[in-house]
Amino acid sequence: MNITDKQYKNLSNEVYNLDPGNKKYNPSLKEEVIFRTGNTNYKILKAEDTPNSGMQVRTVGAIKGGEVGKSHIIIVYAGIDHLTAI
């Protein structure tokens, strides 16, 4: 699946709302939840946080034909906080 930079940014912004530290925190966004951004439905497959480095990773899958296909999985991440990683 190909997505544009703009689509990736929108997707990243949406899935990071499941982080309690985010000012737009949305407690209803959890693993296995389906949400819509743009014209596509996505399912949050996995969310991992590493507090001591600031790394956050979200795995989402675009839903096509009612299911998440292996070719529609996207890894969305935020880089480490360089000050906490030292």
PDB file of N, CA and C in Angstrom:
ATOM      1  N   MET A   1       0.848  -1.174   0.000  1.00  0.00           N
ATOM      2  CA  MET A   1       0.000   0.000   0.000  1.00  0.00           C
ATOM      3  C   MET A   1       0.891   1.234   0.000  1.00  0.00           C
ATOM      4  N   ASN A   2       0.628   2.134  -0.893  1.00  0.00           N
ATOM      5  CA  ASN A   2       1.367   3.398  -0.956  1.00  0.00           C
ATOM      6  C   ASN A   2       0.525   4.503  -0.343  1.00  0.00           C
ATOM      7  N   ILE A   3       1.154   5.310   0.508  1.00  0.00           N
ATOM      8  CA  ILE A   3       0.477   6.476   1.057  1.00  0.00           C
ATOM      9  C   ILE A   3       1.372   7.686   0.859  1.00  0.00           C
ATOM     10  N   THR A   4       0.749   8.849   0.771  1.00  0.00           N
ATOM     11  CA  THR A   4       1.506  10.085   0.600  1.00  0.00           C
ATOM     12  C   THR A   4       2.037  10.551   1.959  1.00  0.00           C
ATOM     13  N   ASP A   5       2.966  11.489   1.924  1.00  0.00           N
ATOM     14  CA  ASP A   5       3.485  12.071   3.165  1.00  0.00           C
ATOM     15  C   ASP A   5       2.361  12.705   3.976  1.00  0.00           C
ATOM     16  N   LYS A   6       1.433  13.369   3.291  1.00  0.00           N
ATOM     17  CA  LYS A   6       0.314  14.016   3.973  1.00  0.00           C
ATOM     18  C   LYS A   6      -0.579  12.972   4.652  1.00  0.00           C
ATOM     19  N   GLN A   7      -0.856  11.859   3.964  1.00  0.00           N
ATOM     20  CA  GLN A   7      -1.663  10.798   4.557  1.00  0.00           C
ATOM     21  C   GLN A   7      -0.963  10.204   5.781  1.00  0.00           C
ATOM     22  N   TYR A   8       0.354  10.008   5.673  1.00  0.00           N
ATOM     23  CA  TYR A   8       1.122   9.456   6.794  1.00  0.00           C
ATOM     24  C   TYR A   8       1.071  10.406   7.991  1.00  0.00           C
ATOM     25  N   LYS A   9       1.222  11.701   7.728  1.00  0.00           N
ATOM     26  CA  LYS A   9       1.170  12.691   8.810  1.00  0.00           C
ATOM     27  C   LYS A   9      -0.192  12.656   9.496  1.00  0.00           C
ATOM     28  N   ASN A  10      -1.269  12.617   8.713  1.00  0.00           N
ATOM     29  CA  ASN A  10      -2.613  12.567   9.288  1.00  0.00           C
ATOM     30  C   ASN A  10      -2.821  11.290  10.103  1.00  0.00           C
ATOM     31  N   LEU A  11      -2.332  10.182   9.571  1.00  0.00           N
ATOM     32  CA  LEU A  11      -2.444   8.904  10.267  1.00  0.00           C
ATOM     33  C   LEU A  11      -1.660   8.938  11.577  1.00  0.00           C
ATOM     34  N   SER A  12      -0.457   9.458  11.537  1.00  0.00           N
ATOM     35  CA  SER A  12       0.381   9.567  12.727  1.00  0.00           C
ATOM     36  C   SER A  12      -0.288  10.438  13.787  1.00  0.00           C
ATOM     37  N   ASN A  13      -0.797  11.581  13.371  1.00  0.00           N
ATOM     38  CA  ASN A  13      -1.474  12.476  14.316  1.00  0.00           C
ATOM     39  C   ASN A  13      -2.653  11.781  14.980  1.00  0.00           C
ATOM     40  N   GLU A  14      -3.402  11.021  14.214  1.00  0.00           N
ATOM     41  CA  GLU A  14      -4.585  10.336  14.743  1.00  0.00           C
ATOM     42  C   GLU A  14      -4.215   9.254  15.754  1.00  0.00           C
ATOM     43  N   VAL A  15      -3.284   8.371  15.403  1.00  0.00           N
ATOM     44  CA  VAL A  15      -2.987   7.250  16.300  1.00  0.00           C
ATOM     45  C   VAL A  15      -2.235   7.677  17.556  1.00  0.00           C
ATOM     46  N   TYR A  16      -1.539   8.802  17.527  1.00  0.00           N
ATOM     47  CA  TYR A  16      -0.855   9.248  18.740  1.00  0.00           C
ATOM     48  C   TYR A  16      -1.810   9.864  19.742  1.00  0.00           C
ATOM     49  N   ASN A  17      -3.084  10.010  19.366  1.00  0.00           N
ATOM     50  CA  ASN A  17      -4.088  10.463  20.321  1.00  0.00           C
ATOM     51  C   ASN A  17      -4.436   9.375  21.334  1.00  0.00           C
ATOM     52  N   LEU A  18      -3.873   8.162  21.184  1.00  0.00           N
ATOM     53  CA  LEU A  18      -4.087   7.131  22.202  1.00  0.00           C
ATOM     54  C   LEU A  18      -3.033   7.202  23.302  1.00  0.00           C
ATOM     55  N   ASP A  19      -2.131   8.164  23.208  1.00  0.00           N
ATOM     56  CA  ASP A  19      -1.099   8.378  24.230  1.00  0.00           C
ATOM     57  C   ASP A  19      -1.657   9.298  25.317  1.00  0.00           C
ATOM     58  N   PRO A  20      -1.743   8.830  26.581  1.00  0.00           N
ATOM     59  CA  PRO A  20      -2.265   9.680  27.657  1.00  0.00           C
ATOM     60  C   PRO A  20      -1.491  10.986  27.834  1.00  0.00           C
ATOM     61  N   GLY A  21      -0.251  11.056  27.370  1.00  0.00           N
ATOM     62  CA  GLY A  21       0.539  12.277  27.473  1.00  0.00           C
ATOM     63  C   GLY A  21       0.235  13.292  26.385  1.00  0.00           C
ATOM     64  N   ASN A  22      -0.546  12.909  25.395  1.00  0.00           N
ATOM     65  CA  ASN A  22      -0.902  13.791  24.290  1.00  0.00           C
ATOM     66  C   ASN A  22      -2.064  14.677  24.720  1.00  0.00           C
ATOM     67  N   LYS A  23      -1.984  15.972  24.428  1.00  0.00           N
ATOM     68  CA  LYS A  23      -3.061  16.876  24.854  1.00  0.00           C
ATOM     69  C   LYS A  23      -4.382  16.577  24.153  1.00  0.00           C
ATOM     70  N   LYS A  24      -4.354  15.840  23.038  1.00  0.00           N
ATOM     71  CA  LYS A  24      -5.586  15.427  22.352  1.00  0.00           C
ATOM     72  C   LYS A  24      -5.922  13.961  22.659  1.00  0.00           C
ATOM     73  N   TYR A  25      -5.478  13.479  23.816  1.00  0.00           N
ATOM     74  CA  TYR A  25      -5.681  12.084  24.218  1.00  0.00           C
ATOM     75  C   TYR A  25      -7.128  11.657  24.040  1.00  0.00           C
ATOM     76  N   ASN A  26      -7.310  10.516  23.407  1.00  0.00           N
ATOM     77  CA  ASN A  26      -8.635   9.951  23.188  1.00  0.00           C
ATOM     78  C   ASN A  26      -8.632   8.535  23.767  1.00  0.00           C
ATOM     79  N   PRO A  27      -9.189   8.338  24.967  1.00  0.00           N
ATOM     80  CA  PRO A  27      -9.130   7.023  25.611  1.00  0.00           C
ATOM     81  C   PRO A  27      -9.864   5.926  24.853  1.00  0.00           C
ATOM     82  N   SER A  28     -10.716   6.283  23.909  1.00  0.00           N
ATOM     83  CA  SER A  28     -11.417   5.251  23.130  1.00  0.00           C
ATOM     84  C   SER A  28     -10.523   4.645  22.047  1.00  0.00           C
ATOM     85  N   LEU A  29      -9.374   5.281  21.747  1.00  0.00           N
ATOM     86  CA  LEU A  29      -8.437   4.721  20.769  1.00  0.00           C
ATOM     87  C   LEU A  29      -7.527   3.720  21.467  1.00  0.00           C
ATOM     88  N   LYS A  30      -7.767   2.452  21.216  1.00  0.00           N
ATOM     89  CA  LYS A  30      -6.989   1.375  21.828  1.00  0.00           C
ATOM     90  C   LYS A  30      -6.660   0.350  20.758  1.00  0.00           C
ATOM     91  N   GLU A  31      -5.799  -0.597  21.097  1.00  0.00           N
ATOM     92  CA  GLU A  31      -5.512  -1.688  20.178  1.00  0.00           C
ATOM     93  C   GLU A  31      -6.824  -2.368  19.798  1.00  0.00           C
ATOM     94  N   GLU A  32      -6.918  -2.745  18.549  1.00  0.00           N
ATOM     95  CA  GLU A  32      -8.079  -3.427  17.962  1.00  0.00           C
ATOM     96  C   GLU A  32      -9.211  -2.474  17.579  1.00  0.00           C
ATOM     97  N   VAL A  33      -9.094  -1.187  17.899  1.00  0.00           N
ATOM     98  CA  VAL A  33     -10.128  -0.217  17.542  1.00  0.00           C
ATOM     99  C   VAL A  33      -9.973   0.177  16.079  1.00  0.00           C
ATOM    100  N   ILE A  34     -11.097   0.356  15.415  1.00  0.00           N
ATOM    101  CA  ILE A  34     -11.112   0.816  14.024  1.00  0.00           C
ATOM    102  C   ILE A  34     -11.459   2.299  14.023  1.00  0.00           C
ATOM    103  N   PHE A  35     -10.705   3.077  13.256  1.00  0.00           N
ATOM    104  CA  PHE A  35     -10.971   4.510  13.128  1.00  0.00           C
ATOM    105  C   PHE A  35     -10.817   4.903  11.666  1.00  0.00           C
ATOM    106  N   ARG A  36     -11.308   6.066  11.335  1.00  0.00           N
ATOM    107  CA  ARG A  36     -11.260   6.549   9.956  1.00  0.00           C
ATOM    108  C   ARG A  36     -10.441   7.821   9.892  1.00  0.00           C
ATOM    109  N   THR A  37      -9.561   7.888   8.917  1.00  0.00           N
ATOM    110  CA  THR A  37      -8.852   9.126   8.602  1.00  0.00           C
ATOM    111  C   THR A  37      -8.790   9.216   7.087  1.00  0.00           C
ATOM    112  N   GLY A  38      -9.083  10.388   6.563  1.00  0.00           N
ATOM    113  CA  GLY A  38      -9.190  10.512   5.107  1.00  0.00           C
ATOM    114  C   GLY A  38     -10.342   9.652   4.620  1.00  0.00           C
ATOM    115  N   ASN A  39     -10.099   8.882   3.574  1.00  0.00           N
ATOM    116  CA  ASN A  39     -11.135   8.014   3.017  1.00  0.00           C
ATOM    117  C   ASN A  39     -10.925   6.546   3.375  1.00  0.00           C
ATOM    118  N   THR A  40     -10.108   6.277   4.388  1.00  0.00           N
ATOM    119  CA  THR A  40      -9.740   4.899   4.702  1.00  0.00           C
ATOM    120  C   THR A  40     -10.003   4.578   6.168  1.00  0.00           C
ATOM    121  N   ASN A  41     -10.507   3.377   6.418  1.00  0.00           N
ATOM    122  CA  ASN A  41     -10.641   2.858   7.778  1.00  0.00           C
ATOM    123  C   ASN A  41      -9.367   2.107   8.134  1.00  0.00           C
ATOM    124  N   TYR A  42      -8.911   2.288   9.370  1.00  0.00           N
ATOM    125  CA  TYR A  42      -7.706   1.631   9.866  1.00  0.00           C
ATOM    126  C   TYR A  42      -8.023   0.936  11.180  1.00  0.00           C
ATOM    127  N   LYS A  43      -7.281  -0.123  11.446  1.00  0.00           N
ATOM    128  CA  LYS A  43      -7.381  -0.828  12.716  1.00  0.00           C
ATOM    129  C   LYS A  43      -6.036  -0.702  13.427  1.00  0.00           C
ATOM    130  N   ILE A  44      -6.062  -0.324  14.707  1.00  0.00           N
ATOM    131  CA  ILE A  44      -4.836  -0.258  15.495  1.00  0.00           C
ATOM    132  C   ILE A  44      -4.488  -1.684  15.906  1.00  0.00           C
ATOM    133  N   LEU A  45      -3.381  -2.191  15.390  1.00  0.00           N
ATOM    134  CA  LEU A  45      -2.983  -3.567  15.649  1.00  0.00           C
ATOM    135  C   LEU A  45      -2.111  -3.695  16.890  1.00  0.00           C
ATOM    136  N   LYS A  46      -1.231  -2.727  17.106  1.00  0.00           N
ATOM    137  CA  LYS A  46      -0.303  -2.798  18.242  1.00  0.00           C
ATOM    138  C   LYS A  46       0.187  -1.394  18.574  1.00  0.00           C
ATOM    139  N   ALA A  47       0.355  -1.125  19.857  1.00  0.00           N
ATOM    140  CA  ALA A  47       0.912   0.146  20.324  1.00  0.00           C
ATOM    141  C   ALA A  47       2.002  -0.164  21.338  1.00  0.00           C
ATOM    142  N   GLU A  48       3.190   0.359  21.117  1.00  0.00           N
ATOM    143  CA  GLU A  48       4.322   0.136  22.022  1.00  0.00           C
ATOM    144  C   GLU A  48       4.966   1.474  22.366  1.00  0.00           C
ATOM    145  N   ASP A  49       5.290   1.633  23.636  1.00  0.00           N
ATOM    146  CA  ASP A  49       5.979   2.833  24.110  1.00  0.00           C
ATOM    147  C   ASP A  49       7.211   2.414  24.900  1.00  0.00           C
ATOM    148  N   THR A  50       8.295   3.164  24.744  1.00  0.00           N
ATOM    149  CA  THR A  50       9.500   2.957  25.539  1.00  0.00           C
ATOM    150  C   THR A  50       9.753   4.258  26.295  1.00  0.00           C
ATOM    151  N   PRO A  51       9.238   4.358  27.531  1.00  0.00           N
ATOM    152  CA  PRO A  51       9.302   5.617  28.276  1.00  0.00           C
ATOM    153  C   PRO A  51      10.705   6.176  28.483  1.00  0.00           C
ATOM    154  N   ASN A  52      11.706   5.326  28.681  1.00  0.00           N
ATOM    155  CA  ASN A  52      13.036   5.864  28.973  1.00  0.00           C
ATOM    156  C   ASN A  52      13.710   6.479  27.755  1.00  0.00           C
ATOM    157  N   SER A  53      13.250   6.184  26.542  1.00  0.00           N
ATOM    158  CA  SER A  53      13.841   6.810  25.353  1.00  0.00           C
ATOM    159  C   SER A  53      12.860   7.721  24.627  1.00  0.00           C
ATOM    160  N   GLY A  54      11.580   7.613  24.938  1.00  0.00           N
ATOM    161  CA  GLY A  54      10.580   8.420  24.258  1.00  0.00           C
ATOM    162  C   GLY A  54      10.076   7.811  22.960  1.00  0.00           C
ATOM    163  N   MET A  55      10.576   6.644  22.571  1.00  0.00           N
ATOM    164  CA  MET A  55      10.154   6.003  21.323  1.00  0.00           C
ATOM    165  C   MET A  55       8.720   5.503  21.453  1.00  0.00           C
ATOM    166  N   GLN A  56       7.918   5.824  20.457  1.00  0.00           N
ATOM    167  CA  GLN A  56       6.543   5.354  20.396  1.00  0.00           C
ATOM    168  C   GLN A  56       6.308   4.764  19.014  1.00  0.00           C
ATOM    169  N   VAL A  57       5.736   3.573  18.975  1.00  0.00           N
ATOM    170  CA  VAL A  57       5.468   2.896  17.711  1.00  0.00           C
ATOM    171  C   VAL A  57       4.021   2.429  17.703  1.00  0.00           C
ATOM    172  N   ARG A  58       3.368   2.633  16.587  1.00  0.00           N
ATOM    173  CA  ARG A  58       2.003   2.156  16.392  1.00  0.00           C
ATOM    174  C   ARG A  58       1.974   1.364  15.096  1.00  0.00           C
ATOM    175  N   THR A  59       1.351   0.204  15.138  1.00  0.00           N
ATOM    176  CA  THR A  59       1.157  -0.588  13.934  1.00  0.00           C
ATOM    177  C   THR A  59      -0.325  -0.531  13.609  1.00  0.00           C
ATOM    178  N   VAL A  60      -0.637  -0.074  12.409  1.00  0.00           N
ATOM    179  CA  VAL A  60      -2.027   0.024  11.978  1.00  0.00           C
ATOM    180  C   VAL A  60      -2.181  -0.699  10.648  1.00  0.00           C
ATOM    181  N   GLY A  61      -3.385  -1.119  10.383  1.00  0.00           N
ATOM    182  CA  GLY A  61      -3.659  -1.780   9.117  1.00  0.00           C
ATOM    183  C   GLY A  61      -4.847  -1.141   8.442  1.00  0.00           C
ATOM    184  N   ALA A  62      -4.681  -0.839   7.159  1.00  0.00           N
ATOM    185  CA  ALA A  62      -5.791  -0.307   6.376  1.00  0.00           C
ATOM    186  C   ALA A  62      -6.763  -1.446   6.092  1.00  0.00           C
ATOM    187  N   ILE A  63      -8.034  -1.160   6.230  1.00  0.00           N
ATOM    188  CA  ILE A  63      -9.056  -2.171   5.999  1.00  0.00           C
ATOM    189  C   ILE A  63      -9.517  -2.070   4.552  1.00  0.00           C
ATOM    190  N   LYS A  64      -9.335  -3.153   3.836  1.00  0.00           N
ATOM    191  CA  LYS A  64      -9.749  -3.254   2.432  1.00  0.00           C
ATOM    192  C   LYS A  64     -10.578  -4.518   2.296  1.00  0.00           C
ATOM    193  N   GLY A  65     -11.768  -4.410   1.754  1.00  0.00           N
ATOM    194  CA  GLY A  65     -12.621  -5.585   1.604  1.00  0.00           C
ATOM    195  C   GLY A  65     -13.048  -6.187   2.931  1.00  0.00           C
ATOM    196  N   GLY A  66     -13.137  -5.363   3.970  1.00  0.00           N
ATOM    197  CA  GLY A  66     -13.596  -5.826   5.270  1.00  0.00           C
ATOM    198  C   GLY A  66     -12.525  -6.409   6.174  1.00  0.00           C
ATOM    199  N   GLU A  67     -11.285  -6.531   5.687  1.00  0.00           N
ATOM    200  CA  GLU A  67     -10.209  -7.110   6.489  1.00  0.00           C
ATOM    201  C   GLU A  67      -8.929  -6.299   6.335  1.00  0.00           C
ATOM    202  N   VAL A  68      -8.022  -6.487   7.298  1.00  0.00           N
ATOM    203  CA  VAL A  68      -6.691  -5.897   7.193  1.00  0.00           C
ATOM    204  C   VAL A  68      -5.824  -6.893   6.443  1.00  0.00           C
ATOM    205  N   GLY A  69      -5.353  -6.495   5.259  1.00  0.00           N
ATOM    206  CA  GLY A  69      -4.472  -7.364   4.492  1.00  0.00           C
ATOM    207  C   GLY A  69      -3.021  -7.113   4.854  1.00  0.00           C
ATOM    208  N   LYS A  70      -2.184  -8.135   4.701  1.00  0.00           N
ATOM    209  CA  LYS A  70      -0.766  -7.992   5.043  1.00  0.00           C
ATOM    210  C   LYS A  70      -0.088  -6.885   4.244  1.00  0.00           C
ATOM    211  N   SER A  71      -0.556  -6.600   3.054  1.00  0.00           N
ATOM    212  CA  SER A  71       0.059  -5.541   2.245  1.00  0.00           C
ATOM    213  C   SER A  71      -0.454  -4.155   2.626  1.00  0.00           C
ATOM    214  N   HIS A  72      -1.336  -4.081   3.619  1.00  0.00           N
ATOM    215  CA  HIS A  72      -1.914  -2.803   4.038  1.00  0.00           C
ATOM    216  C   HIS A  72      -1.484  -2.392   5.442  1.00  0.00           C
ATOM    217  N   ILE A  73      -0.437  -3.013   5.976  1.00  0.00           N
ATOM    218  CA  ILE A  73       0.031  -2.698   7.327  1.00  0.00           C
ATOM    219  C   ILE A  73       1.062  -1.568   7.270  1.00  0.00           C
ATOM    220  N   ILE A  74       0.907  -0.608   8.173  1.00  0.00           N
ATOM    221  CA  ILE A  74       1.775   0.568   8.206  1.00  0.00           C
ATOM    222  C   ILE A  74       2.338   0.715   9.618  1.00  0.00           C
ATOM    223  N   ILE A  75       3.635   0.947   9.709  1.00  0.00           N
ATOM    224  CA  ILE A  75       4.288   1.217  10.992  1.00  0.00           C
ATOM    225  C   ILE A  75       4.406   2.732  11.129  1.00  0.00           C
ATOM    226  N   VAL A  76       3.807   3.271  12.168  1.00  0.00           N
ATOM    227  CA  VAL A  76       3.835   4.711  12.425  1.00  0.00           C
ATOM    228  C   VAL A  76       4.644   4.914  13.701  1.00  0.00           C
ATOM    229  N   TYR A  77       5.633   5.787  13.651  1.00  0.00           N
ATOM    230  CA  TYR A  77       6.474   5.961  14.837  1.00  0.00           C
ATOM    231  C   TYR A  77       6.861   7.409  15.042  1.00  0.00           C
ATOM    232  N   ALA A  78       7.203   7.693  16.293  1.00  0.00           N
ATOM    233  CA  ALA A  78       7.773   8.988  16.653  1.00  0.00           C
ATOM    234  C   ALA A  78       9.182   8.711  17.134  1.00  0.00           C
ATOM    235  N   GLY A  79      10.102   9.545  16.744  1.00  0.00           N
ATOM    236  CA  GLY A  79      11.505   9.342  17.110  1.00  0.00           C
ATOM    237  C   GLY A  79      11.756   9.526  18.588  1.00  0.00           C
ATOM    238  N   ILE A  80      12.956   9.175  18.986  1.00  0.00           N
ATOM    239  CA  ILE A  80      13.311   9.279  20.400  1.00  0.00           C
ATOM    240  C   ILE A  80      13.541  10.730  20.793  1.00  0.00           C
ATOM    241  N   ASP A  81      13.366  10.990  22.046  1.00  0.00           N
ATOM    242  CA  ASP A  81      13.689  12.293  22.622  1.00  0.00           C
ATOM    243  C   ASP A  81      15.182  12.259  22.932  1.00  0.00           C
ATOM    244  N   HIS A  82      15.967  12.990  22.163  1.00  0.00           N
ATOM    245  CA  HIS A  82      17.424  12.897  22.295  1.00  0.00           C
ATOM    246  C   HIS A  82      17.929  13.261  23.687  1.00  0.00           C
ATOM    247  N   LEU A  83      17.178  14.042  24.429  1.00  0.00           N
ATOM    248  CA  LEU A  83      17.632  14.417  25.768  1.00  0.00           C
ATOM    249  C   LEU A  83      17.462  13.273  26.761  1.00  0.00           C
ATOM    250  N   THR A  84      16.426  12.451  26.576  1.00  0.00           N
ATOM    251  CA  THR A  84      16.225  11.333  27.499  1.00  0.00           C
ATOM    252  C   THR A  84      17.013  10.111  27.071  1.00  0.00           C
ATOM    253  N   ALA A  85      17.471  10.076  25.829  1.00  0.00           N
ATOM    254  CA  ALA A  85      18.199   8.911  25.328  1.00  0.00           C
ATOM    255  C   ALA A  85      19.675   8.947  25.707  1.00  0.00           C
ATOM    256  N   ILE A  86      20.141  10.062  26.205  1.00  0.00           N
ATOM    257  CA  ILE A  86      21.569  10.196  26.542  1.00  0.00           C
ATOM    258  C   ILE A  86      21.874   9.506  27.854  1.00  0.00           C
TER     259      ILE A  86
END
